[in-house]
Amino acid sequence: MPIYKMEKSSSKKGFANKFGKSFSSLKSSMSKALQSHILPNENESQIIDSLPSNPQQFESKALQNQIDLLKEVLEEKELLIIDLRKTSHEEQLKFEKEKFQFKQKIEQLQNENMQLQKQLNMQ
């Protein structure tokens, strides 16, 4: 059992070292890219300071960005729902108005029909 724990511990350290090195490399390359292409007037230390200093901060920032994006999408969907409800209400009012007009027209035609039948019976 102790051997297994040692192997597991050393593999964790190996992964952490590799991840830490790759993260440092990523941070460095992002800094250089930002320095040369996006912000030519900013100095490198300001760019490095703006990047997360450890993997947890990097992941946290990525998650926060996803949360912000999802909030924006949710707000857009809520606005769409509000618009659809408004449109639906307007269409319902239009339908009710047309229905009322058709009922009036039917009553008018029925009255005309009765008058014509009366006239026909009188002849």
PDB file of N, CA and C in Angstrom:
ATOM      1  N   MET A   1       0.808  -1.215   0.000  1.00  0.00           N
ATOM      2  CA  MET A   1       0.000   0.000   0.000  1.00  0.00           C
ATOM      3  C   MET A   1       0.850   1.279   0.000  1.00  0.00           C
ATOM      4  N   PRO A   2       1.874   1.410   0.788  1.00  0.00           N
ATOM      5  CA  PRO A   2       2.653   2.646   0.785  1.00  0.00           C
ATOM      6  C   PRO A   2       3.275   2.943  -0.584  1.00  0.00           C
ATOM      7  N   ILE A   3       3.644   1.908  -1.320  1.00  0.00           N
ATOM      8  CA  ILE A   3       4.245   2.114  -2.637  1.00  0.00           C
ATOM      9  C   ILE A   3       3.220   2.746  -3.567  1.00  0.00           C
ATOM     10  N   TYR A   4       2.005   2.247  -3.522  1.00  0.00           N
ATOM     11  CA  TYR A   4       0.928   2.786  -4.363  1.00  0.00           C
ATOM     12  C   TYR A   4       0.698   4.262  -4.070  1.00  0.00           C
ATOM     13  N   LYS A   5       0.690   4.616  -2.785  1.00  0.00           N
ATOM     14  CA  LYS A   5       0.479   6.014  -2.424  1.00  0.00           C
ATOM     15  C   LYS A   5       1.631   6.884  -2.927  1.00  0.00           C
ATOM     16  N   MET A   6       2.851   6.370  -2.871  1.00  0.00           N
ATOM     17  CA  MET A   6       3.984   7.137  -3.354  1.00  0.00           C
ATOM     18  C   MET A   6       3.872   7.365  -4.857  1.00  0.00           C
ATOM     19  N   GLU A   7       3.500   6.303  -5.598  1.00  0.00           N
ATOM     20  CA  GLU A   7       3.372   6.438  -7.046  1.00  0.00           C
ATOM     21  C   GLU A   7       2.281   7.439  -7.382  1.00  0.00           C
ATOM     22  N   LYS A   8       1.180   7.354  -6.674  1.00  0.00           N
ATOM     23  CA  LYS A   8       0.066   8.261  -6.933  1.00  0.00           C
ATOM     24  C   LYS A   8       0.479   9.694  -6.640  1.00  0.00           C
ATOM     25  N   SER A   9       1.177   9.899  -5.551  1.00  0.00           N
ATOM     26  CA  SER A   9       1.623  11.226  -5.174  1.00  0.00           C
ATOM     27  C   SER A   9       2.600  11.791  -6.202  1.00  0.00           C
ATOM     28  N   SER A  10       3.529  10.968  -6.660  1.00  0.00           N
ATOM     29  CA  SER A  10       4.505  11.458  -7.628  1.00  0.00           C
ATOM     30  C   SER A  10       3.838  11.745  -8.971  1.00  0.00           C
ATOM     31  N   SER A  11       2.825  10.969  -9.347  1.00  0.00           N
ATOM     32  CA  SER A  11       2.145  11.248 -10.615  1.00  0.00           C
ATOM     33  C   SER A  11       1.360  12.551 -10.511  1.00  0.00           C
ATOM     34  N   LYS A  12       0.811  12.827  -9.329  1.00  0.00           N
ATOM     35  CA  LYS A  12       0.114  14.099  -9.137  1.00  0.00           C
ATOM     36  C   LYS A  12       1.089  15.265  -9.258  1.00  0.00           C
ATOM     37  N   LYS A  13       2.266  15.121  -8.649  1.00  0.00           N
ATOM     38  CA  LYS A  13       3.253  16.188  -8.731  1.00  0.00           C
ATOM     39  C   LYS A  13       3.703  16.385 -10.175  1.00  0.00           C
ATOM     40  N   GLY A  14       3.879  15.272 -10.883  1.00  0.00           N
ATOM     41  CA  GLY A  14       4.290  15.356 -12.289  1.00  0.00           C
ATOM     42  C   GLY A  14       3.254  16.102 -13.107  1.00  0.00           C
ATOM     43  N   PHE A  15       2.009  15.780 -12.901  1.00  0.00           N
ATOM     44  CA  PHE A  15       0.928  16.465 -13.613  1.00  0.00           C
ATOM     45  C   PHE A  15       0.894  17.943 -13.253  1.00  0.00           C
ATOM     46  N   ALA A  16       1.014  18.227 -11.967  1.00  0.00           N
ATOM     47  CA  ALA A  16       1.000  19.623 -11.518  1.00  0.00           C
ATOM     48  C   ALA A  16       2.162  20.394 -12.134  1.00  0.00           C
ATOM     49  N   ASN A  17       3.342  19.785 -12.149  1.00  0.00           N
ATOM     50  CA  ASN A  17       4.504  20.455 -12.744  1.00  0.00           C
ATOM     51  C   ASN A  17       4.293  20.693 -14.231  1.00  0.00           C
ATOM     52  N   LYS A  18       3.800  19.667 -14.937  1.00  0.00           N
ATOM     53  CA  LYS A  18       3.555  19.821 -16.375  1.00  0.00           C
ATOM     54  C   LYS A  18       2.487  20.879 -16.617  1.00  0.00           C
ATOM     55  N   PHE A  19       1.430  20.827 -15.842  1.00  0.00           N
ATOM     56  CA  PHE A  19       0.344  21.801 -16.017  1.00  0.00           C
ATOM     57  C   PHE A  19       0.830  23.208 -15.688  1.00  0.00           C
ATOM     58  N   GLY A  20       1.576  23.322 -14.601  1.00  0.00           N
ATOM     59  CA  GLY A  20       2.117  24.629 -14.221  1.00  0.00           C
ATOM     60  C   GLY A  20       3.031  25.187 -15.289  1.00  0.00           C
ATOM     61  N   LYS A  21       3.883  24.330 -15.859  1.00  0.00           N
ATOM     62  CA  LYS A  21       4.790  24.779 -16.914  1.00  0.00           C
ATOM     63  C   LYS A  21       4.001  25.169 -18.157  1.00  0.00           C
ATOM     64  N   SER A  22       3.024  24.338 -18.540  1.00  0.00           N
ATOM     65  CA  SER A  22       2.254  24.661 -19.737  1.00  0.00           C
ATOM     66  C   SER A  22       1.423  25.926 -19.514  1.00  0.00           C
ATOM     67  N   PHE A  23       0.935  26.120 -18.311  1.00  0.00           N
ATOM     68  CA  PHE A  23       0.175  27.332 -18.002  1.00  0.00           C
ATOM     69  C   PHE A  23       1.080  28.553 -18.070  1.00  0.00           C
ATOM     70  N   SER A  24       2.283  28.420 -17.507  1.00  0.00           N
ATOM     71  CA  SER A  24       3.234  29.533 -17.577  1.00  0.00           C
ATOM     72  C   SER A  24       3.568  29.854 -19.024  1.00  0.00           C
ATOM     73  N   SER A  25       3.749  28.814 -19.814  1.00  0.00           N
ATOM     74  CA  SER A  25       4.042  29.009 -21.229  1.00  0.00           C
ATOM     75  C   SER A  25       2.879  29.702 -21.929  1.00  0.00           C
ATOM     76  N   LEU A  26       1.656  29.286 -21.640  1.00  0.00           N
ATOM     77  CA  LEU A  26       0.465  29.899 -22.216  1.00  0.00           C
ATOM     78  C   LEU A  26       0.386  31.371 -21.821  1.00  0.00           C
ATOM     79  N   LYS A  27       0.605  31.637 -20.561  1.00  0.00           N
ATOM     80  CA  LYS A  27       0.545  33.015 -20.064  1.00  0.00           C
ATOM     81  C   LYS A  27       1.596  33.872 -20.754  1.00  0.00           C
ATOM     82  N   SER A  28       2.767  33.342 -20.896  1.00  0.00           N
ATOM     83  CA  SER A  28       3.851  34.077 -21.542  1.00  0.00           C
ATOM     84  C   SER A  28       3.526  34.347 -23.009  1.00  0.00           C
ATOM     85  N   SER A  29       3.052  33.331 -23.714  1.00  0.00           N
ATOM     86  CA  SER A  29       2.745  33.523 -25.131  1.00  0.00           C
ATOM     87  C   SER A  29       1.567  34.474 -25.320  1.00  0.00           C
ATOM     88  N   MET A  30       0.567  34.424 -24.410  1.00  0.00           N
ATOM     89  CA  MET A  30      -0.551  35.364 -24.493  1.00  0.00           C
ATOM     90  C   MET A  30      -0.058  36.786 -24.257  1.00  0.00           C
ATOM     91  N   SER A  31       0.839  36.949 -23.309  1.00  0.00           N
ATOM     92  CA  SER A  31       1.391  38.276 -23.029  1.00  0.00           C
ATOM     93  C   SER A  31       2.112  38.831 -24.242  1.00  0.00           C
ATOM     94  N   LYS A  32       2.934  37.988 -24.865  1.00  0.00           N
ATOM     95  CA  LYS A  32       3.679  38.431 -26.035  1.00  0.00           C
ATOM     96  C   LYS A  32       2.736  38.772 -27.184  1.00  0.00           C
ATOM     97  N   ALA A  33       1.714  37.951 -27.389  1.00  0.00           N
ATOM     98  CA  ALA A  33       0.755  38.208 -28.471  1.00  0.00           C
ATOM     99  C   ALA A  33       0.011  39.502 -28.228  1.00  0.00           C
ATOM    100  N   LEU A  34      -0.429  39.715 -27.003  1.00  0.00           N
ATOM    101  CA  LEU A  34      -1.127  40.951 -26.671  1.00  0.00           C
ATOM    102  C   LEU A  34      -0.198  42.150 -26.824  1.00  0.00           C
ATOM    103  N   GLN A  35       1.036  41.976 -26.392  1.00  0.00           N
ATOM    104  CA  GLN A  35       2.008  43.065 -26.457  1.00  0.00           C
ATOM    105  C   GLN A  35       2.241  43.482 -27.903  1.00  0.00           C
ATOM    106  N   SER A  36       2.431  42.522 -28.794  1.00  0.00           N
ATOM    107  CA  SER A  36       2.822  42.859 -30.160  1.00  0.00           C
ATOM    108  C   SER A  36       1.641  43.210 -31.064  1.00  0.00           C
ATOM    109  N   HIS A  37       0.421  42.721 -30.779  1.00  0.00           N
ATOM    110  CA  HIS A  37      -0.682  42.916 -31.707  1.00  0.00           C
ATOM    111  C   HIS A  37      -1.799  43.819 -31.195  1.00  0.00           C
ATOM    112  N   ILE A  38      -2.134  43.727 -29.960  1.00  0.00           N
ATOM    113  CA  ILE A  38      -3.311  44.428 -29.473  1.00  0.00           C
ATOM    114  C   ILE A  38      -2.967  45.733 -28.784  1.00  0.00           C
ATOM    115  N   LEU A  39      -2.025  45.680 -27.876  1.00  0.00           N
ATOM    116  CA  LEU A  39      -1.738  46.852 -27.059  1.00  0.00           C
ATOM    117  C   LEU A  39      -0.273  47.274 -27.221  1.00  0.00           C
ATOM    118  N   PRO A  40       0.098  47.885 -28.321  1.00  0.00           N
ATOM    119  CA  PRO A  40       1.510  48.204 -28.525  1.00  0.00           C
ATOM    120  C   PRO A  40       2.025  49.251 -27.548  1.00  0.00           C
ATOM    121  N   ASN A  41       1.186  50.053 -26.932  1.00  0.00           N
ATOM    122  CA  ASN A  41       1.643  51.106 -26.026  1.00  0.00           C
ATOM    123  C   ASN A  41       1.710  50.654 -24.571  1.00  0.00           C
ATOM    124  N   GLU A  42       1.141  49.510 -24.237  1.00  0.00           N
ATOM    125  CA  GLU A  42       1.155  49.018 -22.857  1.00  0.00           C
ATOM    126  C   GLU A  42       2.458  48.269 -22.614  1.00  0.00           C
ATOM    127  N   ASN A  43       2.944  48.287 -21.381  1.00  0.00           N
ATOM    128  CA  ASN A  43       4.147  47.507 -21.114  1.00  0.00           C
ATOM    129  C   ASN A  43       3.765  46.095 -20.680  1.00  0.00           C
ATOM    130  N   GLU A  44       4.701  45.198 -20.795  1.00  0.00           N
ATOM    131  CA  GLU A  44       4.424  43.783 -20.588  1.00  0.00           C
ATOM    132  C   GLU A  44       3.978  43.460 -19.168  1.00  0.00           C
ATOM    133  N   SER A  45       4.482  44.155 -18.183  1.00  0.00           N
ATOM    134  CA  SER A  45       4.108  43.841 -16.805  1.00  0.00           C
ATOM    135  C   SER A  45       2.624  44.120 -16.563  1.00  0.00           C
ATOM    136  N   GLN A  46       2.076  45.155 -17.201  1.00  0.00           N
ATOM    137  CA  GLN A  46       0.643  45.428 -17.046  1.00  0.00           C
ATOM    138  C   GLN A  46      -0.189  44.302 -17.655  1.00  0.00           C
ATOM    139  N   ILE A  47       0.266  43.793 -18.795  1.00  0.00           N
ATOM    140  CA  ILE A  47      -0.458  42.702 -19.454  1.00  0.00           C
ATOM    141  C   ILE A  47      -0.387  41.447 -18.607  1.00  0.00           C
ATOM    142  N   ILE A  48       0.793  41.140 -18.113  1.00  0.00           N
ATOM    143  CA  ILE A  48       0.957  39.944 -17.287  1.00  0.00           C
ATOM    144  C   ILE A  48       0.104  40.053 -16.027  1.00  0.00           C
ATOM    145  N   ASP A  49       0.049  41.236 -15.432  1.00  0.00           N
ATOM    146  CA  ASP A  49      -0.761  41.425 -14.235  1.00  0.00           C
ATOM    147  C   ASP A  49      -2.242  41.224 -14.521  1.00  0.00           C
ATOM    148  N   SER A  50      -2.684  41.523 -15.735  1.00  0.00           N
ATOM    149  CA  SER A  50      -4.104  41.378 -16.050  1.00  0.00           C
ATOM    150  C   SER A  50      -4.499  39.924 -16.289  1.00  0.00           C
ATOM    151  N   LEU A  51      -3.507  39.060 -16.549  1.00  0.00           N
ATOM    152  CA  LEU A  51      -3.806  37.640 -16.750  1.00  0.00           C
ATOM    153  C   LEU A  51      -3.880  36.933 -15.404  1.00  0.00           C
ATOM    154  N   PRO A  52      -4.698  35.878 -15.318  1.00  0.00           N
ATOM    155  CA  PRO A  52      -4.780  35.133 -14.058  1.00  0.00           C
ATOM    156  C   PRO A  52      -3.420  34.532 -13.706  1.00  0.00           C
ATOM    157  N   SER A  53      -3.104  34.521 -12.416  1.00  0.00           N
ATOM    158  CA  SER A  53      -1.776  34.072 -12.006  1.00  0.00           C
ATOM    159  C   SER A  53      -1.708  32.578 -11.708  1.00  0.00           C
ATOM    160  N   ASN A  54      -2.838  31.912 -11.632  1.00  0.00           N
ATOM    161  CA  ASN A  54      -2.801  30.471 -11.427  1.00  0.00           C
ATOM    162  C   ASN A  54      -3.961  29.816 -12.175  1.00  0.00           C
ATOM    163  N   PRO A  55      -3.899  28.498 -12.341  1.00  0.00           N
ATOM    164  CA  PRO A  55      -4.939  27.805 -13.110  1.00  0.00           C
ATOM    165  C   PRO A  55      -6.351  27.994 -12.545  1.00  0.00           C
ATOM    166  N   GLN A  56      -6.465  28.093 -11.237  1.00  0.00           N
ATOM    167  CA  GLN A  56      -7.790  28.276 -10.644  1.00  0.00           C
ATOM    168  C   GLN A  56      -8.375  29.629 -11.015  1.00  0.00           C
ATOM    169  N   GLN A  57      -7.551  30.671 -11.015  1.00  0.00           N
ATOM    170  CA  GLN A  57      -8.032  31.992 -11.416  1.00  0.00           C
ATOM    171  C   GLN A  57      -8.392  31.997 -12.896  1.00  0.00           C
ATOM    172  N   PHE A  58      -7.582  31.317 -13.698  1.00  0.00           N
ATOM    173  CA  PHE A  58      -7.842  31.225 -15.135  1.00  0.00           C
ATOM    174  C   PHE A  58      -9.181  30.536 -15.371  1.00  0.00           C
ATOM    175  N   GLU A  59      -9.414  29.410 -14.686  1.00  0.00           N
ATOM    176  CA  GLU A  59     -10.675  28.680 -14.815  1.00  0.00           C
ATOM    177  C   GLU A  59     -11.832  29.511 -14.290  1.00  0.00           C
ATOM    178  N   SER A  60     -11.618  30.188 -13.185  1.00  0.00           N
ATOM    179  CA  SER A  60     -12.658  31.033 -12.611  1.00  0.00           C
ATOM    180  C   SER A  60     -13.043  32.154 -13.571  1.00  0.00           C
ATOM    181  N   LYS A  61     -12.051  32.764 -14.198  1.00  0.00           N
ATOM    182  CA  LYS A  61     -12.313  33.840 -15.161  1.00  0.00           C
ATOM    183  C   LYS A  61     -13.070  33.292 -16.370  1.00  0.00           C
ATOM    184  N   ALA A  62     -12.686  32.109 -16.835  1.00  0.00           N
ATOM    185  CA  ALA A  62     -13.375  31.492 -17.969  1.00  0.00           C
ATOM    186  C   ALA A  62     -14.826  31.183 -17.605  1.00  0.00           C
ATOM    187  N   LEU A  63     -15.037  30.665 -16.404  1.00  0.00           N
ATOM    188  CA  LEU A  63     -16.399  30.383 -15.956  1.00  0.00           C
ATOM    189  C   LEU A  63     -17.210  31.663 -15.819  1.00  0.00           C
ATOM    190  N   GLN A  64     -16.592  32.725 -15.312  1.00  0.00           N
ATOM    191  CA  GLN A  64     -17.297  34.002 -15.184  1.00  0.00           C
ATOM    192  C   GLN A  64     -17.685  34.533 -16.558  1.00  0.00           C
ATOM    193  N   ASN A  65     -16.783  34.379 -17.526  1.00  0.00           N
ATOM    194  CA  ASN A  65     -17.107  34.804 -18.895  1.00  0.00           C
ATOM    195  C   ASN A  65     -18.289  34.015 -19.448  1.00  0.00           C
ATOM    196  N   GLN A  66     -18.316  32.708 -19.188  1.00  0.00           N
ATOM    197  CA  GLN A  66     -19.439  31.877 -19.632  1.00  0.00           C
ATOM    198  C   GLN A  66     -20.726  32.295 -18.929  1.00  0.00           C
ATOM    199  N   ILE A  67     -20.644  32.601 -17.649  1.00  0.00           N
ATOM    200  CA  ILE A  67     -21.820  33.050 -16.900  1.00  0.00           C
ATOM    201  C   ILE A  67     -22.341  34.355 -17.483  1.00  0.00           C
ATOM    202  N   ASP A  68     -21.433  35.280 -17.770  1.00  0.00           N
ATOM    203  CA  ASP A  68     -21.841  36.561 -18.354  1.00  0.00           C
ATOM    204  C   ASP A  68     -22.501  36.353 -19.709  1.00  0.00           C
ATOM    205  N   LEU A  69     -21.930  35.474 -20.522  1.00  0.00           N
ATOM    206  CA  LEU A  69     -22.503  35.186 -21.835  1.00  0.00           C
ATOM    207  C   LEU A  69     -23.893  34.563 -21.691  1.00  0.00           C
ATOM    208  N   LEU A  70     -24.037  33.629 -20.769  1.00  0.00           N
ATOM    209  CA  LEU A  70     -25.336  33.006 -20.541  1.00  0.00           C
ATOM    210  C   LEU A  70     -26.365  34.013 -20.028  1.00  0.00           C
ATOM    211  N   LYS A  71     -25.924  34.947 -19.196  1.00  0.00           N
ATOM    212  CA  LYS A  71     -26.831  35.997 -18.724  1.00  0.00           C
ATOM    213  C   LYS A  71     -27.319  36.854 -19.884  1.00  0.00           C
ATOM    214  N   GLU A  72     -26.406  37.185 -20.803  1.00  0.00           N
ATOM    215  CA  GLU A  72     -26.798  37.972 -21.974  1.00  0.00           C
ATOM    216  C   GLU A  72     -27.810  37.204 -22.824  1.00  0.00           C
ATOM    217  N   VAL A  73     -27.539  35.925 -23.041  1.00  0.00           N
ATOM    218  CA  VAL A  73     -28.459  35.106 -23.832  1.00  0.00           C
ATOM    219  C   VAL A  73     -29.819  35.022 -23.138  1.00  0.00           C
ATOM    220  N   LEU A  74     -29.799  34.860 -21.828  1.00  0.00           N
ATOM    221  CA  LEU A  74     -31.039  34.788 -21.059  1.00  0.00           C
ATOM    222  C   LEU A  74     -31.819  36.090 -21.168  1.00  0.00           C
ATOM    223  N   GLU A  75     -31.124  37.223 -21.073  1.00  0.00           N
ATOM    224  CA  GLU A  75     -31.797  38.519 -21.208  1.00  0.00           C
ATOM    225  C   GLU A  75     -32.426  38.664 -22.592  1.00  0.00           C
ATOM    226  N   GLU A  76     -31.692  38.230 -23.636  1.00  0.00           N
ATOM    227  CA  GLU A  76     -32.237  38.283 -24.994  1.00  0.00           C
ATOM    228  C   GLU A  76     -33.483  37.411 -25.113  1.00  0.00           C
ATOM    229  N   LYS A  77     -33.433  36.230 -24.528  1.00  0.00           N
ATOM    230  CA  LYS A  77     -34.590  35.319 -24.577  1.00  0.00           C
ATOM    231  C   LYS A  77     -35.773  35.914 -23.821  1.00  0.00           C
ATOM    232  N   GLU A  78     -35.511  36.545 -22.683  1.00  0.00           N
ATOM    233  CA  GLU A  78     -36.590  37.169 -21.915  1.00  0.00           C
ATOM    234  C   GLU A  78     -37.223  38.304 -22.703  1.00  0.00           C
ATOM    235  N   LEU A  79     -36.391  39.106 -23.387  1.00  0.00           N
ATOM    236  CA  LEU A  79     -36.922  40.181 -24.229  1.00  0.00           C
ATOM    237  C   LEU A  79     -37.749  39.605 -25.375  1.00  0.00           C
ATOM    238  N   LEU A  80     -37.287  38.500 -25.926  1.00  0.00           N
ATOM    239  CA  LEU A  80     -38.026  37.839 -27.004  1.00  0.00           C
ATOM    240  C   LEU A  80     -39.373  37.333 -26.499  1.00  0.00           C
ATOM    241  N   ILE A  81     -39.385  36.757 -25.311  1.00  0.00           N
ATOM    242  CA  ILE A  81     -40.638  36.275 -24.719  1.00  0.00           C
ATOM    243  C   ILE A  81     -41.598  37.436 -24.491  1.00  0.00           C
ATOM    244  N   ILE A  82     -41.080  38.549 -23.973  1.00  0.00           N
ATOM    245  CA  ILE A  82     -41.923  39.731 -23.755  1.00  0.00           C
ATOM    246  C   ILE A  82     -42.512  40.204 -25.081  1.00  0.00           C
ATOM    247  N   ASP A  83     -41.674  40.255 -26.109  1.00  0.00           N
ATOM    248  CA  ASP A  83     -42.137  40.680 -27.424  1.00  0.00           C
ATOM    249  C   ASP A  83     -43.189  39.720 -27.976  1.00  0.00           C
ATOM    250  N   LEU A  84     -42.959  38.431 -27.813  1.00  0.00           N
ATOM    251  CA  LEU A  84     -43.922  37.434 -28.295  1.00  0.00           C
ATOM    252  C   LEU A  84     -45.248  37.539 -27.540  1.00  0.00           C
ATOM    253  N   ARG A  85     -45.180  37.782 -26.251  1.00  0.00           N
ATOM    254  CA  ARG A  85     -46.413  37.956 -25.470  1.00  0.00           C
ATOM    255  C   ARG A  85     -47.185  39.183 -25.954  1.00  0.00           C
ATOM    256  N   LYS A  86     -46.463  40.265 -26.204  1.00  0.00           N
ATOM    257  CA  LYS A  86     -47.102  41.492 -26.695  1.00  0.00           C
ATOM    258  C   LYS A  86     -47.751  41.232 -28.052  1.00  0.00           C
ATOM    259  N   THR A  87     -47.000  40.604 -28.945  1.00  0.00           N
ATOM    260  CA  THR A  87     -47.526  40.287 -30.274  1.00  0.00           C
ATOM    261  C   THR A  87     -48.726  39.365 -30.171  1.00  0.00           C
ATOM    262  N   SER A  88     -48.638  38.373 -29.313  1.00  0.00           N
ATOM    263  CA  SER A  88     -49.741  37.439 -29.110  1.00  0.00           C
ATOM    264  C   SER A  88     -50.985  38.170 -28.609  1.00  0.00           C
ATOM    265  N   HIS A  89     -50.793  39.077 -27.664  1.00  0.00           N
ATOM    266  CA  HIS A  89     -51.923  39.846 -27.121  1.00  0.00           C
ATOM    267  C   HIS A  89     -52.547  40.714 -28.213  1.00  0.00           C
ATOM    268  N   GLU A  90     -51.698  41.352 -29.009  1.00  0.00           N
ATOM    269  CA  GLU A  90     -52.205  42.180 -30.105  1.00  0.00           C
ATOM    270  C   GLU A  90     -52.984  41.335 -31.115  1.00  0.00           C
ATOM    271  N   GLU A  91     -52.445  40.160 -31.433  1.00  0.00           N
ATOM    272  CA  GLU A  91     -53.137  39.263 -32.370  1.00  0.00           C
ATOM    273  C   GLU A  91     -54.464  38.782 -31.790  1.00  0.00           C
ATOM    274  N   GLN A  92     -54.482  38.517 -30.490  1.00  0.00           N
ATOM    275  CA  GLN A  92     -55.720  38.092 -29.844  1.00  0.00           C
ATOM    276  C   GLN A  92     -56.767  39.208 -29.917  1.00  0.00           C
ATOM    277  N   LEU A  93     -56.361  40.442 -29.646  1.00  0.00           N
ATOM    278  CA  LEU A  93     -57.294  41.575 -29.746  1.00  0.00           C
ATOM    279  C   LEU A  93     -57.809  41.735 -31.182  1.00  0.00           C
ATOM    280  N   LYS A  94     -56.927  41.595 -32.139  1.00  0.00           N
ATOM    281  CA  LYS A  94     -57.310  41.683 -33.552  1.00  0.00           C
ATOM    282  C   LYS A  94     -58.314  40.585 -33.892  1.00  0.00           C
ATOM    283  N   PHE A  95     -58.060  39.381 -33.431  1.00  0.00           N
ATOM    284  CA  PHE A  95     -58.961  38.253 -33.665  1.00  0.00           C
ATOM    285  C   PHE A  95     -60.337  38.519 -33.055  1.00  0.00           C
ATOM    286  N   GLU A  96     -60.339  38.994 -31.820  1.00  0.00           N
ATOM    287  CA  GLU A  96     -61.616  39.277 -31.151  1.00  0.00           C
ATOM    288  C   GLU A  96     -62.400  40.359 -31.897  1.00  0.00           C
ATOM    289  N   LYS A  97     -61.706  41.363 -32.384  1.00  0.00           N
ATOM    290  CA  LYS A  97     -62.361  42.435 -33.147  1.00  0.00           C
ATOM    291  C   LYS A  97     -62.961  41.867 -34.437  1.00  0.00           C
ATOM    292  N   GLU A  98     -62.188  41.068 -35.172  1.00  0.00           N
ATOM    293  CA  GLU A  98     -62.699  40.461 -36.406  1.00  0.00           C
ATOM    294  C   GLU A  98     -63.870  39.526 -36.122  1.00  0.00           C
ATOM    295  N   LYS A  99     -63.762  38.785 -35.047  1.00  0.00           N
ATOM    296  CA  LYS A  99     -64.851  37.876 -34.658  1.00  0.00           C
ATOM    297  C   LYS A  99     -66.127  38.668 -34.387  1.00  0.00           C
ATOM    298  N   PHE A 100     -65.993  39.768 -33.669  1.00  0.00           N
ATOM    299  CA  PHE A 100     -67.153  40.617 -33.386  1.00  0.00           C
ATOM    300  C   PHE A 100     -67.749  41.170 -34.685  1.00  0.00           C
ATOM    301  N   GLN A 101     -66.886  41.609 -35.603  1.00  0.00           N
ATOM    302  CA  GLN A 101     -67.359  42.143 -36.879  1.00  0.00           C
ATOM    303  C   GLN A 101     -68.080  41.064 -37.690  1.00  0.00           C
ATOM    304  N   PHE A 102     -67.552  39.859 -37.681  1.00  0.00           N
ATOM    305  CA  PHE A 102     -68.213  38.756 -38.403  1.00  0.00           C
ATOM    306  C   PHE A 102     -69.569  38.426 -37.784  1.00  0.00           C
ATOM    307  N   LYS A 103     -69.630  38.432 -36.468  1.00  0.00           N
ATOM    308  CA  LYS A 103     -70.918  38.184 -35.815  1.00  0.00           C
ATOM    309  C   LYS A 103     -71.945  39.247 -36.213  1.00  0.00           C
ATOM    310  N   GLN A 104     -71.510  40.494 -36.245  1.00  0.00           N
ATOM    311  CA  GLN A 104     -72.407  41.576 -36.667  1.00  0.00           C
ATOM    312  C   GLN A 104     -72.857  41.368 -38.113  1.00  0.00           C
ATOM    313  N   LYS A 105     -71.923  40.999 -38.972  1.00  0.00           N
ATOM    314  CA  LYS A 105     -72.258  40.768 -40.378  1.00  0.00           C
ATOM    315  C   LYS A 105     -73.230  39.600 -40.509  1.00  0.00           C
ATOM    316  N   ILE A 106     -73.020  38.536 -39.736  1.00  0.00           N
ATOM    317  CA  ILE A 106     -73.931  37.382 -39.763  1.00  0.00           C
ATOM    318  C   ILE A 106     -75.321  37.809 -39.322  1.00  0.00           C
ATOM    319  N   GLU A 107     -75.398  38.571 -38.243  1.00  0.00           N
ATOM    320  CA  GLU A 107     -76.711  39.056 -37.778  1.00  0.00           C
ATOM    321  C   GLU A 107     -77.382  39.923 -38.839  1.00  0.00           C
ATOM    322  N   GLN A 108     -76.609  40.776 -39.466  1.00  0.00           N
ATOM    323  CA  GLN A 108     -77.153  41.639 -40.518  1.00  0.00           C
ATOM    324  C   GLN A 108     -77.687  40.799 -41.678  1.00  0.00           C
ATOM    325  N   LEU A 109     -76.896  39.798 -42.092  1.00  0.00           N
ATOM    326  CA  LEU A 109     -77.332  38.933 -43.192  1.00  0.00           C
ATOM    327  C   LEU A 109     -78.555  38.104 -42.800  1.00  0.00           C
ATOM    328  N   GLN A 110     -78.590  37.642 -41.556  1.00  0.00           N
ATOM    329  CA  GLN A 110     -79.760  36.894 -41.098  1.00  0.00           C
ATOM    330  C   GLN A 110     -81.014  37.783 -41.114  1.00  0.00           C
ATOM    331  N   ASN A 111     -80.874  39.035 -40.671  1.00  0.00           N
ATOM    332  CA  ASN A 111     -81.999  39.982 -40.691  1.00  0.00           C
ATOM    333  C   ASN A 111     -82.459  40.242 -42.133  1.00  0.00           C
ATOM    334  N   GLU A 112     -81.505  40.442 -43.029  1.00  0.00           N
ATOM    335  CA  GLU A 112     -81.852  40.651 -44.430  1.00  0.00           C
ATOM    336  C   GLU A 112     -82.544  39.422 -45.007  1.00  0.00           C
ATOM    337  N   ASN A 113     -82.050  38.279 -44.639  1.00  0.00           N
ATOM    338  CA  ASN A 113     -82.652  37.021 -45.112  1.00  0.00           C
ATOM    339  C   ASN A 113     -84.089  36.903 -44.622  1.00  0.00           C
ATOM    340  N   MET A 114     -84.324  37.228 -43.363  1.00  0.00           N
ATOM    341  CA  MET A 114     -85.691  37.157 -42.816  1.00  0.00           C
ATOM    342  C   MET A 114     -86.605  38.149 -43.544  1.00  0.00           C
ATOM    343  N   GLN A 115     -86.129  39.325 -43.810  1.00  0.00           N
ATOM    344  CA  GLN A 115     -86.930  40.328 -44.524  1.00  0.00           C
ATOM    345  C   GLN A 115     -87.248  39.853 -45.940  1.00  0.00           C
ATOM    346  N   LEU A 116     -86.251  39.274 -46.591  1.00  0.00           N
ATOM    347  CA  LEU A 116     -86.488  38.765 -47.938  1.00  0.00           C
ATOM    348  C   LEU A 116     -87.488  37.605 -47.930  1.00  0.00           C
ATOM    349  N   GLN A 117     -87.401  36.766 -46.904  1.00  0.00           N
ATOM    350  CA  GLN A 117     -88.359  35.657 -46.805  1.00  0.00           C
ATOM    351  C   GLN A 117     -89.778  36.209 -46.575  1.00  0.00           C
ATOM    352  N   LYS A 118     -89.898  37.225 -45.753  1.00  0.00           N
ATOM    353  CA  LYS A 118     -91.187  37.855 -45.515  1.00  0.00           C
ATOM    354  C   LYS A 118     -91.760  38.442 -46.811  1.00  0.00           C
ATOM    355  N   GLN A 119     -90.902  39.115 -47.539  1.00  0.00           N
ATOM    356  CA  GLN A 119     -91.334  39.699 -48.810  1.00  0.00           C
ATOM    357  C   GLN A 119     -91.781  38.621 -49.794  1.00  0.00           C
ATOM    358  N   LEU A 120     -91.026  37.533 -49.785  1.00  0.00           N
ATOM    359  CA  LEU A 120     -91.356  36.420 -50.685  1.00  0.00           C
ATOM    360  C   LEU A 120     -92.677  35.779 -50.282  1.00  0.00           C
ATOM    361  N   ASN A 121     -92.916  35.656 -48.996  1.00  0.00           N
ATOM    362  CA  ASN A 121     -94.178  35.066 -48.507  1.00  0.00           C
ATOM    363  C   ASN A 121     -95.364  35.986 -48.780  1.00  0.00           C
ATOM    364  N   MET A 122     -95.149  37.263 -48.808  1.00  0.00           N
ATOM    365  CA  MET A 122     -96.233  38.216 -49.080  1.00  0.00           C
ATOM    366  C   MET A 122     -96.667  38.177 -50.528  1.00  0.00           C
ATOM    367  N   GLN A 123     -95.765  37.815 -51.369  1.00  0.00           N
ATOM    368  CA  GLN A 123     -96.122  37.786 -52.792  1.00  0.00           C
ATOM    369  C   GLN A 123     -96.914  36.605 -53.094  1.00  0.00           C
TER     370      GLN A 123
END
